[in-house]
Each structure stands twice: as structure tokens, then as C-alpha cells.
């Protein structure tokens, strides 16, 4: 019993260490929410530095874990070198978007606290997507990132085009998410599991092949929308034009890279 407790404790300690690149952006976002509620005077400067410190800290831990950490899976969240490589891509792109937006927010009168909070939540969602060892976990990470991106697209106050871009992105994104979730449900109905490890090892009966192919097709439709692949790309010109420039850069890098990572995890 003591040995079991020791192994379990060691696993949890390792899990906490490996999940720091995912958790740190969430903690930074929560701190920003608290500051926004009680103190908004110097929020532009404070928010920028909190976001900068959070992203840099997450990036450092991602690099360290990429170099040292062994492959590990717990609570349907997986950690390997490929997932940390995508983490580094997300965080570097988020860092560049952060520097692009430092003076841009004041020029366009975009609320700094909400903007930096949403950037951090989007980065965390992208990380959970790529670290998901289960279709449901990856889907939840994708939706956290997508919801933050929907709001970010409409943060340009007083611009009808920005509000239109946000609304269009939200409606079409929700429609694509419905396809994605329906595809996951069909795959679960055929295989009896949504864990990637189970899906790789299970043999699907021939009678369930139509469910599998239909599920894969629905998942592909949802992912193709996220990466703006033809023929699901019609939304991208309007959204990219109406969203703030820094948000467009963020969506064109982080959101697309996250979509491709979901593609690699799933197929």
C-alpha cells in the first residue's frame, strides 16, 4: 500500500511539473481578471507585463520539458516532445502578437485587460488541445481557444466591421464545432472509446465502418474550418479584415497551428 501511494504521489508530482506550460497562462489570465475588477488605472501596462511574464514562464517550462521530460499520460492529458514543440510554436506566436498589440491597443481604444486575458486563455486552450490524449479533451481545448478568438475578433470598439467579423466567426465556428462533436460521437459509437490509445488498438467491426467513415468525415470538416482549408475558407477574408491587426496575426498563426496539431493527433 505504501509503495502504491508513493508511485501515485510521484505521478501527480510529475503531472504538475509537466502541465506547467498549460497552467501558467490560465493563472496569468485569472490574475488579470482580478486586477481588472478592482484596479483599471494602469491596466494597459500591468496587463502587458503580466501577460509577458506568463507567456515567457510557460515558454521556459515548455523548452525544459521538451528537453528532459519522458512521455507521460494522466487524466487523458498526454505529454511528449511533439506536444511541447507545438507549445513552443503557440507561445512564440503569442509573444509576437503581444508585442504587436502593445501600442496598437491604445490607438484603437481596445480594452487592455480583456484583450490580454483572452490571449492567455486562447494560448492555454491551444496547449490543452495539443496535449489531449482523448478526442473530448482535445475538443474542449479547441473550444476554449475558439471562444477566446471569437471575442478577440470583435474587440475593436466602435467598428461595425469588427463586430460583424466576430459574429460571423462565432456562427460559422459554432456550426463547425457541431460537425466536429457529431463526428466524435459517431467514432465513440463505433469504437466505444474516444481515447487515442484505444482508437489505435481497437479493431472496428465491418458493420461499424460506415460510422467510422462518417465520424472521420465530420471531424475533418470541423478541423478544415479551423484552419481555413478549401472549401471551408470563405469566412477567413471577412474575419481577418474586420478583426484588429494583432488579433488577425494571432489567429493566422496560433489558431491555424492548433488546428493542424489536432489533425496530427486525430489521424
C-alpha atoms as a PDB file:
ATOM      1  CA  UNK A   1       0.000   0.000   0.000  1.00  0.00           C
ATOM      2  CA  UNK A   2       2.837   2.380   0.830  1.00  0.00           C
ATOM      3  CA  UNK A   3       4.511   1.631  -2.485  1.00  0.00           C
ATOM      4  CA  UNK A   4       1.276   2.339  -4.355  1.00  0.00           C
ATOM      5  CA  UNK A   5       0.834   5.665  -2.549  1.00  0.00           C
ATOM      6  CA  UNK A   6       4.440   6.603  -3.306  1.00  0.00           C
ATOM      7  CA  UNK A   7       4.037   5.834  -7.022  1.00  0.00           C
ATOM      8  CA  UNK A   8       0.744   7.731  -7.161  1.00  0.00           C
ATOM      9  CA  UNK A   9       2.290  10.745  -5.427  1.00  0.00           C
ATOM     10  CA  UNK A  10       5.250  10.645  -7.804  1.00  0.00           C
ATOM     11  CA  UNK A  11       2.895  10.522 -10.787  1.00  0.00           C
ATOM     12  CA  UNK A  12       0.977  13.560  -9.548  1.00  0.00           C
ATOM     13  CA  UNK A  13       4.187  15.494  -8.918  1.00  0.00           C
ATOM     14  CA  UNK A  14       5.355  14.663 -12.433  1.00  0.00           C
ATOM     15  CA  UNK A  15       1.941  15.606 -13.833  1.00  0.00           C
ATOM     16  CA  UNK A  16       2.058  19.021 -12.150  1.00  0.00           C
ATOM     17  CA  UNK A  17       5.566  19.657 -13.424  1.00  0.00           C
ATOM     18  CA  UNK A  18       4.739  18.649 -16.981  1.00  0.00           C
ATOM     19  CA  UNK A  19       1.493  20.639 -17.067  1.00  0.00           C
ATOM     20  CA  UNK A  20       3.065  23.978 -16.094  1.00  0.00           C
ATOM     21  CA  UNK A  21       3.126  25.301 -19.706  1.00  0.00           C
ATOM     22  CA  UNK A  22      -0.635  24.703 -19.804  1.00  0.00           C
ATOM     23  CA  UNK A  23      -1.473  26.053 -16.351  1.00  0.00           C
ATOM     24  CA  UNK A  24       0.673  29.201 -16.193  1.00  0.00           C
ATOM     25  CA  UNK A  25      -1.308  31.119 -18.884  1.00  0.00           C
ATOM     26  CA  UNK A  26      -4.545  30.289 -17.019  1.00  0.00           C
ATOM     27  CA  UNK A  27      -3.114  31.609 -13.745  1.00  0.00           C
ATOM     28  CA  UNK A  28      -1.959  34.782 -15.510  1.00  0.00           C
ATOM     29  CA  UNK A  29      -5.429  35.254 -17.005  1.00  0.00           C
ATOM     30  CA  UNK A  30      -7.091  34.816 -13.591  1.00  0.00           C
ATOM     31  CA  UNK A  31      -4.751  37.382 -12.041  1.00  0.00           C
ATOM     32  CA  UNK A  32      -5.623  39.810 -14.834  1.00  0.00           C
ATOM     33  CA  UNK A  33      -9.349  39.278 -14.242  1.00  0.00           C
ATOM     34  CA  UNK A  34      -8.940  40.137 -10.552  1.00  0.00           C
ATOM     35  CA  UNK A  35      -6.890  43.241 -11.335  1.00  0.00           C
ATOM     36  CA  UNK A  36      -9.426  44.334 -13.974  1.00  0.00           C
ATOM     37  CA  UNK A  37     -12.227  44.106 -11.421  1.00  0.00           C
ATOM     38  CA  UNK A  38     -10.562  46.262  -8.770  1.00  0.00           C
ATOM     39  CA  UNK A  39      -7.916  48.420 -10.433  1.00  0.00           C
ATOM     40  CA  UNK A  40      -8.112  49.645 -14.048  1.00  0.00           C
ATOM     41  CA  UNK A  41      -5.960  52.790 -13.913  1.00  0.00           C
ATOM     42  CA  UNK A  42      -2.692  51.294 -15.129  1.00  0.00           C
ATOM     43  CA  UNK A  43      -4.196  48.150 -16.606  1.00  0.00           C
ATOM     44  CA  UNK A  44      -2.571  48.639 -20.027  1.00  0.00           C
ATOM     45  CA  UNK A  45       0.941  48.452 -18.549  1.00  0.00           C
ATOM     46  CA  UNK A  46       0.168  45.936 -15.801  1.00  0.00           C
ATOM     47  CA  UNK A  47      -1.743  43.665 -18.175  1.00  0.00           C
ATOM     48  CA  UNK A  48       1.062  43.686 -20.720  1.00  0.00           C
ATOM     49  CA  UNK A  49       3.687  42.739 -18.137  1.00  0.00           C
ATOM     50  CA  UNK A  50       1.568  40.012 -16.536  1.00  0.00           C
ATOM     51  CA  UNK A  51       0.862  38.516 -19.971  1.00  0.00           C
ATOM     52  CA  UNK A  52       4.532  38.834 -20.934  1.00  0.00           C
ATOM     53  CA  UNK A  53       5.750  37.138 -17.735  1.00  0.00           C
ATOM     54  CA  UNK A  54       3.147  34.374 -18.026  1.00  0.00           C
ATOM     55  CA  UNK A  55       3.981  33.559 -21.643  1.00  0.00           C
ATOM     56  CA  UNK A  56       7.751  33.668 -21.025  1.00  0.00           C
ATOM     57  CA  UNK A  57       7.459  31.434 -17.952  1.00  0.00           C
ATOM     58  CA  UNK A  58       5.299  28.940 -19.863  1.00  0.00           C
ATOM     59  CA  UNK A  59       7.782  29.023 -22.755  1.00  0.00           C
ATOM     60  CA  UNK A  60      10.728  28.298 -20.448  1.00  0.00           C
ATOM     61  CA  UNK A  61       8.965  25.303 -18.881  1.00  0.00           C
ATOM     62  CA  UNK A  62       7.913  24.073 -22.339  1.00  0.00           C
ATOM     63  CA  UNK A  63      11.544  24.142 -23.520  1.00  0.00           C
ATOM     64  CA  UNK A  64      12.779  22.417 -20.334  1.00  0.00           C
ATOM     65  CA  UNK A  65      10.129  19.702 -20.562  1.00  0.00           C
ATOM     66  CA  UNK A  66      10.815  19.246 -24.277  1.00  0.00           C
ATOM     67  CA  UNK A  67      14.463  18.583 -23.471  1.00  0.00           C
ATOM     68  CA  UNK A  68      14.083  16.473 -20.325  1.00  0.00           C
ATOM     69  CA  UNK A  69      10.583  15.098 -19.750  1.00  0.00           C
ATOM     70  CA  UNK A  70       9.695  11.472 -20.595  1.00  0.00           C
ATOM     71  CA  UNK A  71       6.422  10.614 -22.404  1.00  0.00           C
ATOM     72  CA  UNK A  72       3.623  10.576 -19.838  1.00  0.00           C
ATOM     73  CA  UNK A  73      -0.188  10.322 -19.825  1.00  0.00           C
ATOM     74  CA  UNK A  74      -2.531  11.017 -16.906  1.00  0.00           C
ATOM     75  CA  UNK A  75      -6.203  12.069 -16.796  1.00  0.00           C
ATOM     76  CA  UNK A  76      -6.398  11.797 -20.608  1.00  0.00           C
ATOM     77  CA  UNK A  77      -3.724  14.505 -20.937  1.00  0.00           C
ATOM     78  CA  UNK A  78      -0.525  13.461 -22.675  1.00  0.00           C
ATOM     79  CA  UNK A  79       2.966  14.929 -22.654  1.00  0.00           C
ATOM     80  CA  UNK A  80       5.579  14.213 -25.307  1.00  0.00           C
ATOM     81  CA  UNK A  81       8.134  16.107 -27.376  1.00  0.00           C
ATOM     82  CA  UNK A  82       5.737  16.787 -30.242  1.00  0.00           C
ATOM     83  CA  UNK A  83       3.156  18.413 -27.969  1.00  0.00           C
ATOM     84  CA  UNK A  84       5.816  20.593 -26.337  1.00  0.00           C
ATOM     85  CA  UNK A  85       7.120  21.573 -29.795  1.00  0.00           C
ATOM     86  CA  UNK A  86       3.635  22.838 -30.637  1.00  0.00           C
ATOM     87  CA  UNK A  87       3.515  24.590 -27.243  1.00  0.00           C
ATOM     88  CA  UNK A  88       6.643  26.498 -28.178  1.00  0.00           C
ATOM     89  CA  UNK A  89       5.112  27.485 -31.527  1.00  0.00           C
ATOM     90  CA  UNK A  90       1.950  28.746 -29.792  1.00  0.00           C
ATOM     91  CA  UNK A  91       3.830  30.675 -27.128  1.00  0.00           C
ATOM     92  CA  UNK A  92       6.322  32.306 -29.510  1.00  0.00           C
ATOM     93  CA  UNK A  93       3.452  33.366 -31.780  1.00  0.00           C
ATOM     94  CA  UNK A  94       1.562  34.681 -28.740  1.00  0.00           C
ATOM     95  CA  UNK A  95       4.649  36.593 -27.647  1.00  0.00           C
ATOM     96  CA  UNK A  96       4.985  38.250 -31.057  1.00  0.00           C
ATOM     97  CA  UNK A  97       1.269  39.133 -31.056  1.00  0.00           C
ATOM     98  CA  UNK A  98       1.740  40.641 -27.606  1.00  0.00           C
ATOM     99  CA  UNK A  99       4.472  42.982 -28.815  1.00  0.00           C
ATOM    100  CA  UNK A 100       2.422  43.895 -31.894  1.00  0.00           C
ATOM    101  CA  UNK A 101      -0.507  44.910 -29.704  1.00  0.00           C
ATOM    102  CA  UNK A 102       1.335  46.965 -27.062  1.00  0.00           C
ATOM    103  CA  UNK A 103       0.821  50.369 -28.712  1.00  0.00           C
ATOM    104  CA  UNK A 104      -1.931  49.208 -31.049  1.00  0.00           C
ATOM    105  CA  UNK A 105      -4.441  48.736 -28.201  1.00  0.00           C
ATOM    106  CA  UNK A 106      -4.208  52.378 -27.170  1.00  0.00           C
ATOM    107  CA  UNK A 107      -4.503  53.631 -30.752  1.00  0.00           C
ATOM    108  CA  UNK A 108      -7.647  51.585 -31.422  1.00  0.00           C
ATOM    109  CA  UNK A 109      -9.089  52.010 -27.884  1.00  0.00           C
ATOM    110  CA  UNK A 110      -9.220  48.263 -27.244  1.00  0.00           C
ATOM    111  CA  UNK A 111      -9.699  47.271 -23.545  1.00  0.00           C
ATOM    112  CA  UNK A 112      -6.267  46.053 -22.464  1.00  0.00           C
ATOM    113  CA  UNK A 113      -7.352  43.883 -19.529  1.00  0.00           C
ATOM    114  CA  UNK A 114      -9.877  41.878 -21.516  1.00  0.00           C
ATOM    115  CA  UNK A 115      -7.546  41.626 -24.516  1.00  0.00           C
ATOM    116  CA  UNK A 116      -4.572  40.184 -22.625  1.00  0.00           C
ATOM    117  CA  UNK A 117      -6.831  37.861 -20.614  1.00  0.00           C
ATOM    118  CA  UNK A 118      -8.342  36.417 -23.778  1.00  0.00           C
ATOM    119  CA  UNK A 119      -4.907  35.962 -25.370  1.00  0.00           C
ATOM    120  CA  UNK A 120      -3.770  33.923 -22.350  1.00  0.00           C
ATOM    121  CA  UNK A 121      -6.943  31.813 -22.333  1.00  0.00           C
ATOM    122  CA  UNK A 122      -6.574  31.159 -26.068  1.00  0.00           C
ATOM    123  CA  UNK A 123      -2.961  30.022 -25.599  1.00  0.00           C
ATOM    124  CA  UNK A 124      -3.973  27.716 -22.763  1.00  0.00           C
ATOM    125  CA  UNK A 125      -6.790  26.239 -24.853  1.00  0.00           C
ATOM    126  CA  UNK A 126      -4.383  25.601 -27.737  1.00  0.00           C
ATOM    127  CA  UNK A 127      -1.993  23.825 -25.358  1.00  0.00           C
ATOM    128  CA  UNK A 128      -4.756  21.633 -23.916  1.00  0.00           C
ATOM    129  CA  UNK A 129      -5.777  20.756 -27.476  1.00  0.00           C
ATOM    130  CA  UNK A 130      -2.337  19.504 -28.457  1.00  0.00           C
ATOM    131  CA  UNK A 131      -1.781  17.716 -25.113  1.00  0.00           C
ATOM    132  CA  UNK A 132      -5.141  15.950 -25.221  1.00  0.00           C
ATOM    133  CA  UNK A 133      -4.849  12.152 -25.217  1.00  0.00           C
ATOM    134  CA  UNK A 134      -8.574  11.913 -25.881  1.00  0.00           C
ATOM    135  CA  UNK A 135     -10.853  13.402 -28.533  1.00  0.00           C
ATOM    136  CA  UNK A 136     -13.043  15.026 -25.864  1.00  0.00           C
ATOM    137  CA  UNK A 137     -10.083  16.706 -24.120  1.00  0.00           C
ATOM    138  CA  UNK A 138      -8.792  17.992 -27.460  1.00  0.00           C
ATOM    139  CA  UNK A 139     -12.276  19.248 -28.341  1.00  0.00           C
ATOM    140  CA  UNK A 140     -12.564  21.137 -25.036  1.00  0.00           C
ATOM    141  CA  UNK A 141      -9.173  22.756 -25.597  1.00  0.00           C
ATOM    142  CA  UNK A 142     -10.192  23.704 -29.131  1.00  0.00           C
ATOM    143  CA  UNK A 143     -13.407  25.333 -27.886  1.00  0.00           C
ATOM    144  CA  UNK A 144     -11.636  27.313 -25.149  1.00  0.00           C
ATOM    145  CA  UNK A 145      -9.260  28.690 -27.774  1.00  0.00           C
ATOM    146  CA  UNK A 146     -12.069  29.310 -30.281  1.00  0.00           C
ATOM    147  CA  UNK A 147     -14.358  31.165 -27.846  1.00  0.00           C
ATOM    148  CA  UNK A 148     -11.490  33.463 -26.880  1.00  0.00           C
ATOM    149  CA  UNK A 149     -10.774  34.056 -30.588  1.00  0.00           C
ATOM    150  CA  UNK A 150     -14.453  34.873 -31.283  1.00  0.00           C
ATOM    151  CA  UNK A 151     -14.386  37.626 -28.659  1.00  0.00           C
ATOM    152  CA  UNK A 152     -10.947  38.903 -29.690  1.00  0.00           C
ATOM    153  CA  UNK A 153     -12.168  39.403 -33.263  1.00  0.00           C
ATOM    154  CA  UNK A 154     -14.775  41.899 -32.002  1.00  0.00           C
ATOM    155  CA  UNK A 155     -12.673  43.886 -29.523  1.00  0.00           C
ATOM    156  CA  UNK A 156     -12.210  46.845 -31.879  1.00  0.00           C
ATOM    157  CA  UNK A 157     -14.721  49.204 -30.285  1.00  0.00           C
ATOM    158  CA  UNK A 158     -16.914  51.400 -32.468  1.00  0.00           C
ATOM    159  CA  UNK A 159     -16.169  49.390 -35.618  1.00  0.00           C
ATOM    160  CA  UNK A 160     -19.175  47.706 -37.211  1.00  0.00           C
ATOM    161  CA  UNK A 161     -16.826  45.617 -39.342  1.00  0.00           C
ATOM    162  CA  UNK A 162     -15.153  44.205 -36.227  1.00  0.00           C
ATOM    163  CA  UNK A 163     -18.485  43.272 -34.635  1.00  0.00           C
ATOM    164  CA  UNK A 164     -19.589  41.702 -37.914  1.00  0.00           C
ATOM    165  CA  UNK A 165     -16.359  39.685 -38.086  1.00  0.00           C
ATOM    166  CA  UNK A 166     -16.849  38.431 -34.531  1.00  0.00           C
ATOM    167  CA  UNK A 167     -20.479  37.442 -35.138  1.00  0.00           C
ATOM    168  CA  UNK A 168     -19.703  35.714 -38.436  1.00  0.00           C
ATOM    169  CA  UNK A 169     -16.763  33.854 -36.906  1.00  0.00           C
ATOM    170  CA  UNK A 170     -18.908  32.773 -33.947  1.00  0.00           C
ATOM    171  CA  UNK A 171     -21.841  31.489 -36.016  1.00  0.00           C
ATOM    172  CA  UNK A 172     -19.733  29.594 -38.535  1.00  0.00           C
ATOM    173  CA  UNK A 173     -17.383  28.368 -35.808  1.00  0.00           C
ATOM    174  CA  UNK A 174     -20.294  27.015 -33.752  1.00  0.00           C
ATOM    175  CA  UNK A 175     -21.619  25.255 -36.855  1.00  0.00           C
ATOM    176  CA  UNK A 176     -18.203  23.661 -37.479  1.00  0.00           C
ATOM    177  CA  UNK A 177     -17.914  22.661 -33.808  1.00  0.00           C
ATOM    178  CA  UNK A 178     -21.247  20.895 -34.142  1.00  0.00           C
ATOM    179  CA  UNK A 179     -19.862  18.836 -37.040  1.00  0.00           C
ATOM    180  CA  UNK A 180     -16.743  18.074 -35.006  1.00  0.00           C
ATOM    181  CA  UNK A 181     -18.654  16.962 -31.927  1.00  0.00           C
ATOM    182  CA  UNK A 182     -21.055  14.868 -34.017  1.00  0.00           C
ATOM    183  CA  UNK A 183     -18.063  13.179 -35.652  1.00  0.00           C
ATOM    184  CA  UNK A 184     -16.587  12.388 -32.233  1.00  0.00           C
ATOM    185  CA  UNK A 185     -19.950  10.907 -31.168  1.00  0.00           C
ATOM    186  CA  UNK A 186     -20.021   8.681 -34.257  1.00  0.00           C
ATOM    187  CA  UNK A 187     -16.462   7.487 -33.609  1.00  0.00           C
ATOM    188  CA  UNK A 188     -17.368   6.724 -29.997  1.00  0.00           C
ATOM    189  CA  UNK A 189     -20.447   4.813 -31.165  1.00  0.00           C
ATOM    190  CA  UNK A 190     -18.303   2.652 -33.444  1.00  0.00           C
ATOM    191  CA  UNK A 191     -15.244   2.165 -31.221  1.00  0.00           C
ATOM    192  CA  UNK A 192     -16.676   2.518 -27.700  1.00  0.00           C
ATOM    193  CA  UNK A 193     -13.915   4.946 -26.707  1.00  0.00           C
ATOM    194  CA  UNK A 194     -12.543   8.380 -27.567  1.00  0.00           C
ATOM    195  CA  UNK A 195      -9.011   7.866 -26.183  1.00  0.00           C
ATOM    196  CA  UNK A 196      -6.357   7.971 -28.912  1.00  0.00           C
ATOM    197  CA  UNK A 197      -4.568   4.920 -27.481  1.00  0.00           C
ATOM    198  CA  UNK A 198      -7.793   2.874 -27.555  1.00  0.00           C
ATOM    199  CA  UNK A 199      -8.674   4.010 -31.053  1.00  0.00           C
ATOM    200  CA  UNK A 200      -5.267   2.882 -32.335  1.00  0.00           C
ATOM    201  CA  UNK A 201      -5.521  -0.590 -30.817  1.00  0.00           C
ATOM    202  CA  UNK A 202      -9.224  -1.363 -31.343  1.00  0.00           C
ATOM    203  CA  UNK A 203     -10.372  -3.397 -34.325  1.00  0.00           C
ATOM    204  CA  UNK A 204     -13.577  -1.919 -35.753  1.00  0.00           C
ATOM    205  CA  UNK A 205     -16.197  -4.472 -36.905  1.00  0.00           C
ATOM    206  CA  UNK A 206     -17.104  -4.214 -40.612  1.00  0.00           C
ATOM    207  CA  UNK A 207     -20.691  -3.370 -39.660  1.00  0.00           C
ATOM    208  CA  UNK A 208     -19.471  -0.206 -37.910  1.00  0.00           C
ATOM    209  CA  UNK A 209     -17.257   1.008 -40.771  1.00  0.00           C
ATOM    210  CA  UNK A 210     -19.925   3.417 -42.016  1.00  0.00           C
ATOM    211  CA  UNK A 211     -19.976   5.065 -38.565  1.00  0.00           C
ATOM    212  CA  UNK A 212     -16.190   5.364 -38.566  1.00  0.00           C
ATOM    213  CA  UNK A 213     -16.002   6.914 -42.040  1.00  0.00           C
ATOM    214  CA  UNK A 214     -18.890   9.281 -41.265  1.00  0.00           C
ATOM    215  CA  UNK A 215     -17.255  10.304 -37.972  1.00  0.00           C
ATOM    216  CA  UNK A 216     -13.886  10.914 -39.621  1.00  0.00           C
ATOM    217  CA  UNK A 217     -15.576  12.980 -42.350  1.00  0.00           C
ATOM    218  CA  UNK A 218     -17.368  15.163 -39.767  1.00  0.00           C
ATOM    219  CA  UNK A 219     -14.168  15.649 -37.755  1.00  0.00           C
ATOM    220  CA  UNK A 220     -12.314  16.613 -40.939  1.00  0.00           C
ATOM    221  CA  UNK A 221     -14.975  19.194 -41.786  1.00  0.00           C
ATOM    222  CA  UNK A 222     -14.667  20.789 -38.337  1.00  0.00           C
ATOM    223  CA  UNK A 223     -10.861  20.871 -38.438  1.00  0.00           C
ATOM    224  CA  UNK A 224     -10.775  22.160 -42.031  1.00  0.00           C
ATOM    225  CA  UNK A 225     -12.901  25.104 -40.915  1.00  0.00           C
ATOM    226  CA  UNK A 226     -10.487  25.920 -38.075  1.00  0.00           C
ATOM    227  CA  UNK A 227      -7.500  26.007 -40.439  1.00  0.00           C
ATOM    228  CA  UNK A 228      -9.490  27.763 -43.208  1.00  0.00           C
ATOM    229  CA  UNK A 229      -8.835  24.964 -45.697  1.00  0.00           C
ATOM    230  CA  UNK A 230     -10.676  24.913 -49.016  1.00  0.00           C
ATOM    231  CA  UNK A 231     -13.679  24.700 -49.340  1.00  0.00           C
ATOM    232  CA  UNK A 232     -14.233  25.882 -45.748  1.00  0.00           C
ATOM    233  CA  UNK A 233     -12.190  29.062 -46.086  1.00  0.00           C
ATOM    234  CA  UNK A 234     -14.867  31.601 -47.079  1.00  0.00           C
ATOM    235  CA  UNK A 235     -15.065  33.089 -43.578  1.00  0.00           C
ATOM    236  CA  UNK A 236     -11.380  33.992 -43.285  1.00  0.00           C
ATOM    237  CA  UNK A 237     -11.157  37.133 -45.531  1.00  0.00           C
ATOM    238  CA  UNK A 238     -14.052  38.896 -43.775  1.00  0.00           C
ATOM    239  CA  UNK A 239     -12.911  37.920 -40.270  1.00  0.00           C
ATOM    240  CA  UNK A 240      -9.246  38.747 -40.876  1.00  0.00           C
ATOM    241  CA  UNK A 241     -10.182  42.125 -42.370  1.00  0.00           C
ATOM    242  CA  UNK A 242     -12.596  43.110 -39.581  1.00  0.00           C
ATOM    243  CA  UNK A 243     -10.575  41.863 -36.595  1.00  0.00           C
ATOM    244  CA  UNK A 244      -7.814  44.009 -35.041  1.00  0.00           C
ATOM    245  CA  UNK A 245      -4.482  43.546 -36.815  1.00  0.00           C
ATOM    246  CA  UNK A 246      -2.775  41.901 -33.850  1.00  0.00           C
ATOM    247  CA  UNK A 247      -5.715  39.508 -33.460  1.00  0.00           C
ATOM    248  CA  UNK A 248      -5.525  38.623 -37.159  1.00  0.00           C
ATOM    249  CA  UNK A 249      -1.837  37.778 -36.718  1.00  0.00           C
ATOM    250  CA  UNK A 250      -2.704  35.685 -33.655  1.00  0.00           C
ATOM    251  CA  UNK A 251      -5.472  33.777 -35.454  1.00  0.00           C
ATOM    252  CA  UNK A 252      -3.379  33.214 -38.573  1.00  0.00           C
ATOM    253  CA  UNK A 253      -0.602  31.632 -36.503  1.00  0.00           C
ATOM    254  CA  UNK A 254      -1.819  30.121 -33.221  1.00  0.00           C
ATOM    255  CA  UNK A 255      -5.330  29.072 -34.261  1.00  0.00           C
ATOM    256  CA  UNK A 256      -4.155  27.502 -37.508  1.00  0.00           C
ATOM    257  CA  UNK A 257      -1.223  25.716 -35.861  1.00  0.00           C
ATOM    258  CA  UNK A 258      -3.615  24.365 -33.219  1.00  0.00           C
ATOM    259  CA  UNK A 259      -5.934  23.087 -35.948  1.00  0.00           C
ATOM    260  CA  UNK A 260      -3.076  21.270 -37.659  1.00  0.00           C
ATOM    261  CA  UNK A 261      -1.974  19.785 -34.320  1.00  0.00           C
ATOM    262  CA  UNK A 262      -5.487  18.397 -33.830  1.00  0.00           C
ATOM    263  CA  UNK A 263      -5.224  16.892 -37.303  1.00  0.00           C
ATOM    264  CA  UNK A 264      -1.949  15.157 -36.354  1.00  0.00           C
ATOM    265  CA  UNK A 265      -3.335  13.887 -33.029  1.00  0.00           C
ATOM    266  CA  UNK A 266      -6.512  12.526 -34.591  1.00  0.00           C
ATOM    267  CA  UNK A 267      -5.136  10.933 -37.732  1.00  0.00           C
END
